[in-house]
C-alpha atoms as a PDB file:
ATOM      1  CA  MET A   1      11.054   6.000 -17.495  1.00  0.00           C
ATOM      2  CA  THR A   2      10.048  10.151 -18.543  1.00  0.00           C
ATOM      3  CA  ARG A   3       7.985  11.758 -15.587  1.00  0.00           C
ATOM      4  CA  GLY A   4       4.126  10.206 -16.233  1.00  0.00           C
ATOM      5  CA  GLU A   5       4.893   7.942 -19.132  1.00  0.00           C
ATOM      6  CA  ARG A   6       3.331   5.131 -18.734  1.00  0.00           C
ATOM      7  CA  VAL A   7       4.066   1.472 -18.968  1.00  0.00           C
ATOM      8  CA  THR A   8       2.337  -0.874 -22.359  1.00  0.00           C
ATOM      9  CA  ALA A   9      -0.805  -1.535 -22.447  1.00  0.00           C
ATOM     10  CA  GLY A  10      -3.153  -3.455 -19.237  1.00  0.00           C
ATOM     11  CA  THR A  11      -1.600  -0.987 -17.092  1.00  0.00           C
ATOM     12  CA  ASP A  12      -2.519   1.766 -18.292  1.00  0.00           C
ATOM     13  CA  VAL A  13      -5.772   2.453 -16.184  1.00  0.00           C
ATOM     14  CA  LEU A  14      -3.656   4.102 -13.581  1.00  0.00           C
ATOM     15  CA  GLU A  15      -0.857   6.412 -14.134  1.00  0.00           C
ATOM     16  CA  HIS A  16       2.176   5.336 -12.825  1.00  0.00           C
ATOM     17  CA  VAL A  17       5.650   6.083 -12.240  1.00  0.00           C
ATOM     18  CA  VAL A  18       7.868   2.616 -12.649  1.00  0.00           C
ATOM     19  CA  ARG A  19      11.876   2.492 -10.851  1.00  0.00           C
ATOM     20  CA  PRO A  20      13.376  -0.356 -12.860  1.00  0.00           C
ATOM     21  CA  PRO A  21      15.681  -2.652 -10.785  1.00  0.00           C
ATOM     22  CA  ALA A  22      19.313  -2.992 -11.185  1.00  0.00           C
ATOM     23  CA  GLY A  23      19.008  -6.845 -13.259  1.00  0.00           C
ATOM     24  CA  GLU A  24      16.919  -9.123 -12.883  1.00  0.00           C
ATOM     25  CA  PRO A  25      13.983  -8.242 -10.038  1.00  0.00           C
ATOM     26  CA  ALA A  26      13.682 -10.199  -7.365  1.00  0.00           C
ATOM     27  CA  GLY A  27      10.271  -8.792  -7.403  1.00  0.00           C
ATOM     28  CA  ALA A  28       8.390  -5.467  -7.098  1.00  0.00           C
ATOM     29  CA  ILE A  29       7.285  -3.326  -4.824  1.00  0.00           C
ATOM     30  CA  VAL A  30       4.552  -1.054  -5.087  1.00  0.00           C
ATOM     31  CA  LEU A  31       3.298   2.340  -3.287  1.00  0.00           C
ATOM     32  CA  LEU A  32       0.385   3.584  -2.815  1.00  0.00           C
ATOM     33  CA  HIS A  33       0.085   6.978  -2.014  1.00  0.00           C
ATOM     34  CA  GLY A  34      -2.127   9.542   0.976  1.00  0.00           C
ATOM     35  CA  ARG A  35      -5.035  11.616   0.236  1.00  0.00           C
ATOM     36  CA  GLY A  36      -4.732  14.398  -2.261  1.00  0.00           C
ATOM     37  CA  THR A  37      -1.355  13.558  -3.795  1.00  0.00           C
ATOM     38  CA  ASP A  38      -0.165  11.777  -6.607  1.00  0.00           C
ATOM     39  CA  GLN A  39       1.749   8.964  -7.897  1.00  0.00           C
ATOM     40  CA  TYR A  40       5.513  10.900  -7.175  1.00  0.00           C
ATOM     41  CA  ASP A  41       4.292  11.739  -3.420  1.00  0.00           C
ATOM     42  CA  LEU A  42       6.092   8.265  -2.666  1.00  0.00           C
ATOM     43  CA  GLU A  43       8.443   7.642  -5.168  1.00  0.00           C
ATOM     44  CA  PRO A  44      11.572   8.708  -2.689  1.00  0.00           C
ATOM     45  CA  LEU A  45      10.929   5.940  -0.529  1.00  0.00           C
ATOM     46  CA  LEU A  46      11.259   3.450  -3.085  1.00  0.00           C
ATOM     47  CA  GLY A  47      15.046   4.237  -2.732  1.00  0.00           C
ATOM     48  CA  VAL A  48      14.634   4.205   0.499  1.00  0.00           C
ATOM     49  CA  LEU A  49      12.835   0.585   0.993  1.00  0.00           C
ATOM     50  CA  ASP A  50      14.718  -0.517  -1.855  1.00  0.00           C
ATOM     51  CA  PRO A  51      18.340   1.171  -1.971  1.00  0.00           C
ATOM     52  CA  ARG A  52      20.044  -1.687  -3.866  1.00  0.00           C
ATOM     53  CA  ARG A  53      17.339  -2.361  -6.420  1.00  0.00           C
ATOM     54  CA  ARG A  54      16.691  -5.647  -6.314  1.00  0.00           C
ATOM     55  CA  LEU A  55      13.189  -4.338  -6.833  1.00  0.00           C
ATOM     56  CA  LEU A  56      10.346  -3.425  -9.677  1.00  0.00           C
ATOM     57  CA  GLY A  57       9.549  -0.105  -8.001  1.00  0.00           C
ATOM     58  CA  VAL A  58       6.433   1.260  -9.217  1.00  0.00           C
ATOM     59  CA  THR A  59       3.866   3.961  -7.053  1.00  0.00           C
ATOM     60  CA  PRO A  60       0.539   4.708  -9.127  1.00  0.00           C
ATOM     61  CA  ARG A  61      -1.843   7.650  -9.232  1.00  0.00           C
ATOM     62  CA  ALA A  62      -5.150   7.442  -7.056  1.00  0.00           C
ATOM     63  CA  PRO A  63      -8.016   7.964  -9.935  1.00  0.00           C
ATOM     64  CA  LEU A  64     -10.507  10.239  -8.379  1.00  0.00           C
ATOM     65  CA  THR A  65     -10.001  14.096  -8.729  1.00  0.00           C
ATOM     66  CA  LEU A  66     -11.175  16.028  -5.595  1.00  0.00           C
ATOM     67  CA  PRO A  67     -11.662  19.084  -3.998  1.00  0.00           C
ATOM     68  CA  PRO A  68      -9.599  20.676  -2.687  1.00  0.00           C
ATOM     69  CA  GLY A  69      -7.573  19.059  -5.156  1.00  0.00           C
ATOM     70  CA  GLY A  70      -5.236  16.204  -6.156  1.00  0.00           C
ATOM     71  CA  ALA A  71      -5.551  12.563  -5.753  1.00  0.00           C
ATOM     72  CA  HIS A  72      -7.448  10.765  -3.932  1.00  0.00           C
ATOM     73  CA  TRP A  73      -8.228   6.742  -3.846  1.00  0.00           C
ATOM     74  CA  TYR A  74     -11.518   7.145  -2.645  1.00  0.00           C
ATOM     75  CA  ILE A  75     -14.133   9.895  -1.149  1.00  0.00           C
ATOM     76  CA  SER A  76     -13.372  10.089   2.539  1.00  0.00           C
ATOM     77  CA  ARG A  77     -16.289  11.173   4.885  1.00  0.00           C
ATOM     78  CA  ARG A  78     -15.780   9.262   8.102  1.00  0.00           C
ATOM     79  CA  VAL A  79     -12.294   8.354   9.410  1.00  0.00           C
ATOM     80  CA  GLY A  80     -12.500   3.977   9.015  1.00  0.00           C
ATOM     81  CA  PHE A  81     -15.476   4.390   6.484  1.00  0.00           C
ATOM     82  CA  PRO A  82     -14.702   5.187   3.276  1.00  0.00           C
ATOM     83  CA  ASP A  83     -17.630   6.212   0.922  1.00  0.00           C
ATOM     84  CA  PRO A  84     -18.918   2.715  -0.714  1.00  0.00           C
ATOM     85  CA  ALA A  85     -19.570   3.368  -4.205  1.00  0.00           C
ATOM     86  CA  THR A  86     -16.096   5.579  -4.739  1.00  0.00           C
ATOM     87  CA  PHE A  87     -14.476   2.652  -2.900  1.00  0.00           C
ATOM     88  CA  ARG A  88     -15.796  -0.449  -4.753  1.00  0.00           C
ATOM     89  CA  SER A  89     -14.783   1.429  -8.453  1.00  0.00           C
ATOM     90  CA  THR A  90     -11.759   2.001  -7.001  1.00  0.00           C
ATOM     91  CA  TYR A  91     -11.012  -1.439  -5.444  1.00  0.00           C
ATOM     92  CA  ASP A  92     -11.791  -2.952  -8.795  1.00  0.00           C
ATOM     93  CA  LEU A  93      -9.651  -0.855 -10.903  1.00  0.00           C
ATOM     94  CA  THR A  94      -6.051  -1.109  -8.602  1.00  0.00           C
ATOM     95  CA  GLY A  95      -6.643  -5.020  -8.192  1.00  0.00           C
ATOM     96  CA  GLY A  96      -7.040  -5.315 -12.466  1.00  0.00           C
ATOM     97  CA  TRP A  97      -4.021  -2.811 -12.424  1.00  0.00           C
ATOM     98  CA  LEU A  98      -1.820  -4.394 -10.378  1.00  0.00           C
ATOM     99  CA  ASP A  99      -2.293  -8.129 -11.813  1.00  0.00           C
ATOM    100  CA  ALA A 100      -1.632  -6.561 -14.824  1.00  0.00           C
ATOM    101  CA  LEU A 101       1.308  -4.872 -13.430  1.00  0.00           C
ATOM    102  CA  LEU A 102       2.598  -7.820 -12.378  1.00  0.00           C
ATOM    103  CA  ALA A 103       1.643 -10.381 -15.097  1.00  0.00           C
ATOM    104  CA  GLU A 104       3.725  -7.885 -17.462  1.00  0.00           C
ATOM    105  CA  HIS A 105       6.826  -8.146 -15.665  1.00  0.00           C
ATOM    106  CA  GLY A 106       6.463 -11.928 -15.323  1.00  0.00           C
ATOM    107  CA  LEU A 107       6.215 -11.704 -10.977  1.00  0.00           C
ATOM    108  CA  GLY A 108       3.412 -13.122  -9.266  1.00  0.00           C
ATOM    109  CA  HIS A 109       1.778 -11.952  -5.938  1.00  0.00           C
ATOM    110  CA  ASP A 110       4.162 -13.798  -4.096  1.00  0.00           C
ATOM    111  CA  ARG A 111       7.109 -11.645  -5.219  1.00  0.00           C
ATOM    112  CA  LEU A 112       5.220  -8.594  -4.115  1.00  0.00           C
ATOM    113  CA  VAL A 113       5.628  -5.909  -0.780  1.00  0.00           C
ATOM    114  CA  LEU A 114       2.246  -3.503  -1.275  1.00  0.00           C
ATOM    115  CA  GLY A 115       2.278  -0.476   1.059  1.00  0.00           C
ATOM    116  CA  GLY A 116       0.885   2.645   1.409  1.00  0.00           C
ATOM    117  CA  PHE A 117       0.275   5.733   3.427  1.00  0.00           C
ATOM    118  CA  SER A 118      -3.098   7.193   4.900  1.00  0.00           C
ATOM    119  CA  GLN A 119      -5.829   6.608   1.853  1.00  0.00           C
ATOM    120  CA  GLY A 120      -3.248   4.102  -0.125  1.00  0.00           C
ATOM    121  CA  THR A 121      -2.960   2.224   3.216  1.00  0.00           C
ATOM    122  CA  VAL A 122      -6.406   1.303   3.294  1.00  0.00           C
ATOM    123  CA  MET A 123      -6.328   0.266  -0.231  1.00  0.00           C
ATOM    124  CA  SER A 124      -3.831  -1.548   0.718  1.00  0.00           C
ATOM    125  CA  TYR A 125      -5.008  -4.087   2.743  1.00  0.00           C
ATOM    126  CA  ALA A 126      -8.424  -3.765   0.722  1.00  0.00           C
ATOM    127  CA  VAL A 127      -6.186  -4.968  -2.148  1.00  0.00           C
ATOM    128  CA  GLY A 128      -3.784  -7.426  -0.082  1.00  0.00           C
ATOM    129  CA  LEU A 129      -6.053  -9.362   2.132  1.00  0.00           C
ATOM    130  CA  GLY A 130      -9.826  -8.271   0.473  1.00  0.00           C
ATOM    131  CA  GLY A 131     -11.918 -11.656  -0.048  1.00  0.00           C
ATOM    132  CA  GLY A 132     -10.472 -13.345  -3.262  1.00  0.00           C
ATOM    133  CA  ARG A 133      -7.762 -11.274  -3.552  1.00  0.00           C
ATOM    134  CA  PRO A 134      -3.705 -13.216  -3.923  1.00  0.00           C
ATOM    135  CA  ARG A 135      -2.249 -11.979  -1.302  1.00  0.00           C
ATOM    136  CA  PRO A 136       1.341 -10.177  -1.382  1.00  0.00           C
ATOM    137  CA  ALA A 137       4.742 -11.348   0.196  1.00  0.00           C
ATOM    138  CA  GLY A 138       3.902  -8.759   2.357  1.00  0.00           C
ATOM    139  CA  ILE A 139       2.241  -5.637   2.972  1.00  0.00           C
ATOM    140  CA  VAL A 140       3.743  -2.283   4.663  1.00  0.00           C
ATOM    141  CA  ALA A 141       0.877  -0.088   6.593  1.00  0.00           C
ATOM    142  CA  LEU A 142       1.601   3.785   7.566  1.00  0.00           C
ATOM    143  CA  SER A 143      -0.761   5.407   9.164  1.00  0.00           C
ATOM    144  CA  GLY A 144      -4.090   4.075   7.790  1.00  0.00           C
ATOM    145  CA  PHE A 145      -6.392   1.606   8.685  1.00  0.00           C
ATOM    146  CA  MET A 146      -8.574  -1.334   7.892  1.00  0.00           C
ATOM    147  CA  PRO A 147     -11.346   0.094   5.941  1.00  0.00           C
ATOM    148  CA  THR A 148     -15.381  -0.837   6.634  1.00  0.00           C
ATOM    149  CA  VAL A 149     -17.493  -0.850   3.396  1.00  0.00           C
ATOM    150  CA  ASP A 150     -20.979  -2.794   3.420  1.00  0.00           C
ATOM    151  CA  GLY A 151     -20.712  -5.480   0.995  1.00  0.00           C
ATOM    152  CA  PHE A 152     -17.335  -5.308   1.274  1.00  0.00           C
ATOM    153  CA  SER A 153     -14.713  -7.471   3.952  1.00  0.00           C
ATOM    154  CA  LEU A 154     -11.334  -8.236   4.302  1.00  0.00           C
ATOM    155  CA  ASP A 155     -10.314 -12.019   4.594  1.00  0.00           C
ATOM    156  CA  LEU A 156      -8.366 -12.530   7.391  1.00  0.00           C
ATOM    157  CA  GLN A 157      -8.364 -16.383   7.076  1.00  0.00           C
ATOM    158  CA  GLY A 158      -4.584 -18.514   7.083  1.00  0.00           C
ATOM    159  CA  LEU A 159      -3.332 -15.844   8.221  1.00  0.00           C
ATOM    160  CA  GLU A 160      -0.695 -17.415  10.312  1.00  0.00           C
ATOM    161  CA  ARG A 161       2.841 -15.769  10.385  1.00  0.00           C
ATOM    162  CA  TYR A 162       2.020 -13.347   7.695  1.00  0.00           C
ATOM    163  CA  PRO A 163       3.944 -10.362   7.231  1.00  0.00           C
ATOM    164  CA  VAL A 164       2.879  -7.161   7.882  1.00  0.00           C
ATOM    165  CA  ALA A 165       4.078  -3.952   9.119  1.00  0.00           C
ATOM    166  CA  ILE A 166       2.187  -0.902  10.607  1.00  0.00           C
ATOM    167  CA  GLY A 167       3.242   2.426  11.886  1.00  0.00           C
ATOM    168  CA  HIS A 168       1.787   5.040  12.784  1.00  0.00           C
ATOM    169  CA  GLY A 169       2.016   8.389  14.645  1.00  0.00           C
ATOM    170  CA  THR A 170       0.683   8.720  17.629  1.00  0.00           C
ATOM    171  CA  ASN A 171       0.598  12.469  17.720  1.00  0.00           C
ATOM    172  CA  ASP A 172      -1.888  11.708  14.141  1.00  0.00           C
ATOM    173  CA  PRO A 173      -4.972  14.034  14.263  1.00  0.00           C
ATOM    174  CA  VAL A 174      -6.102  12.700  10.663  1.00  0.00           C
ATOM    175  CA  ILE A 175      -5.987   8.967  11.637  1.00  0.00           C
ATOM    176  CA  GLY A 176      -5.568   8.325  15.314  1.00  0.00           C
ATOM    177  CA  VAL A 177      -3.160   6.094  16.120  1.00  0.00           C
ATOM    178  CA  GLU A 178      -6.287   3.991  17.364  1.00  0.00           C
ATOM    179  CA  TRP A 179      -7.205   3.082  13.706  1.00  0.00           C
ATOM    180  CA  GLY A 180      -3.222   1.690  13.678  1.00  0.00           C
ATOM    181  CA  ARG A 181      -3.462  -0.341  16.414  1.00  0.00           C
ATOM    182  CA  GLN A 182      -6.761  -1.255  16.009  1.00  0.00           C
ATOM    183  CA  ALA A 183      -5.376  -3.034  13.091  1.00  0.00           C
ATOM    184  CA  ARG A 184      -2.844  -4.435  14.819  1.00  0.00           C
ATOM    185  CA  ASP A 185      -4.750  -6.503  17.010  1.00  0.00           C
ATOM    186  CA  ALA A 186      -7.248  -7.869  14.666  1.00  0.00           C
ATOM    187  CA  LEU A 187      -3.686  -8.921  12.745  1.00  0.00           C
ATOM    188  CA  VAL A 188      -2.574 -10.132  16.000  1.00  0.00           C
ATOM    189  CA  SER A 189      -5.291 -12.783  16.322  1.00  0.00           C
ATOM    190  CA  ALA A 190      -5.392 -13.896  12.913  1.00  0.00           C
ATOM    191  CA  GLY A 191      -1.712 -14.955  13.601  1.00  0.00           C
ATOM    192  CA  ALA A 192      -0.147 -13.075  11.328  1.00  0.00           C
ATOM    193  CA  ASP A 193       3.505 -12.013  12.112  1.00  0.00           C
ATOM    194  CA  VAL A 194       3.198  -8.186  12.536  1.00  0.00           C
ATOM    195  CA  THR A 195       5.981  -5.900  13.152  1.00  0.00           C
ATOM    196  CA  TYR A 196       4.570  -2.155  15.146  1.00  0.00           C
ATOM    197  CA  ARG A 197       5.995   0.681  15.545  1.00  0.00           C
ATOM    198  CA  GLU A 198       4.689   4.000  17.102  1.00  0.00           C
ATOM    199  CA  TYR A 199       6.453   7.391  17.156  1.00  0.00           C
ATOM    200  CA  PRO A 200       5.040  10.984  18.564  1.00  0.00           C
ATOM    201  CA  LEU A 201       5.137  12.390  15.282  1.00  0.00           C
ATOM    202  CA  ALA A 202       1.178  13.577  13.198  1.00  0.00           C
ATOM    203  CA  HIS A 203       0.124  12.429  10.361  1.00  0.00           C
ATOM    204  CA  ALA A 204       4.287  11.421   8.468  1.00  0.00           C
ATOM    205  CA  VAL A 205       6.293   8.140   8.913  1.00  0.00           C
ATOM    206  CA  ASP A 206       9.358   8.147  10.955  1.00  0.00           C
ATOM    207  CA  PRO A 207      12.720   8.168   8.721  1.00  0.00           C
ATOM    208  CA  ARG A 208      13.797   5.578  10.945  1.00  0.00           C
ATOM    209  CA  TYR A 209      11.428   2.844  10.850  1.00  0.00           C
ATOM    210  CA  LEU A 210      11.880   3.663   7.447  1.00  0.00           C
ATOM    211  CA  ALA A 211      15.190   2.393   7.618  1.00  0.00           C
ATOM    212  CA  GLU A 212      13.910  -0.586   9.465  1.00  0.00           C
ATOM    213  CA  LEU A 213      11.366  -1.429   7.466  1.00  0.00           C
ATOM    214  CA  ALA A 214      14.587  -1.740   4.417  1.00  0.00           C
ATOM    215  CA  ASN A 215      15.788  -5.059   6.236  1.00  0.00           C
ATOM    216  CA  TRP A 216      12.275  -6.495   6.517  1.00  0.00           C
ATOM    217  CA  VAL A 217      11.548  -5.896   2.662  1.00  0.00           C
ATOM    218  CA  GLU A 218      14.420  -7.613   2.205  1.00  0.00           C
ATOM    219  CA  ASP A 219      13.238 -10.315   4.161  1.00  0.00           C
ATOM    220  CA  ARG A 220      10.082 -10.785   2.756  1.00  0.00           C
ATOM    221  CA  LEU A 221      11.531 -10.984  -0.978  1.00  0.00           C
ATOM    222  CA  PRO A 222      15.181 -13.063  -0.342  1.00  0.00           C
END
């Protein structure tokens, strides 16, 4: 697939890059980028997290173009509290896109690892754990937070042993590490099986943690 090419009708509401699997897919991994970047930002991580190309890998572009540039999932005015109108619009759009993507490839949500970085983590929590949404096989949450939005709530019921991998830099000036810790504590209290790592970095991901997550992803989708 060439850069910028879309798949087929039903998934074209979000531009996205597809990395095909080497053979019949064992599942899918979808990564949502952070604020102000695009669908190519996390594309290299598909190869890191799924080096054997067992999975369909997809990185979509957020639907909003906002100052200072790049693509955004919602308007960000205050950490922890996305702008309600843009968040809800993107939540509906992204959920529908993801449902169509999996259906198009004959995969269920139980064969999906959903993850992201920064704003992409916020949307991964929302789409993966939002009330009434089907849950993926696992969530990767890097340098983000669980959203608080009027009229929206995460469903943390029935999360016993549910796998979530969280990573956060202790020197993060954009989304402080306390947000990662809050998400960890909420998920652990709900019974989830949380793999949590902190590293002495700013708003970034530790490559050593990514290497660890490759095994985590394979365990989620054997």
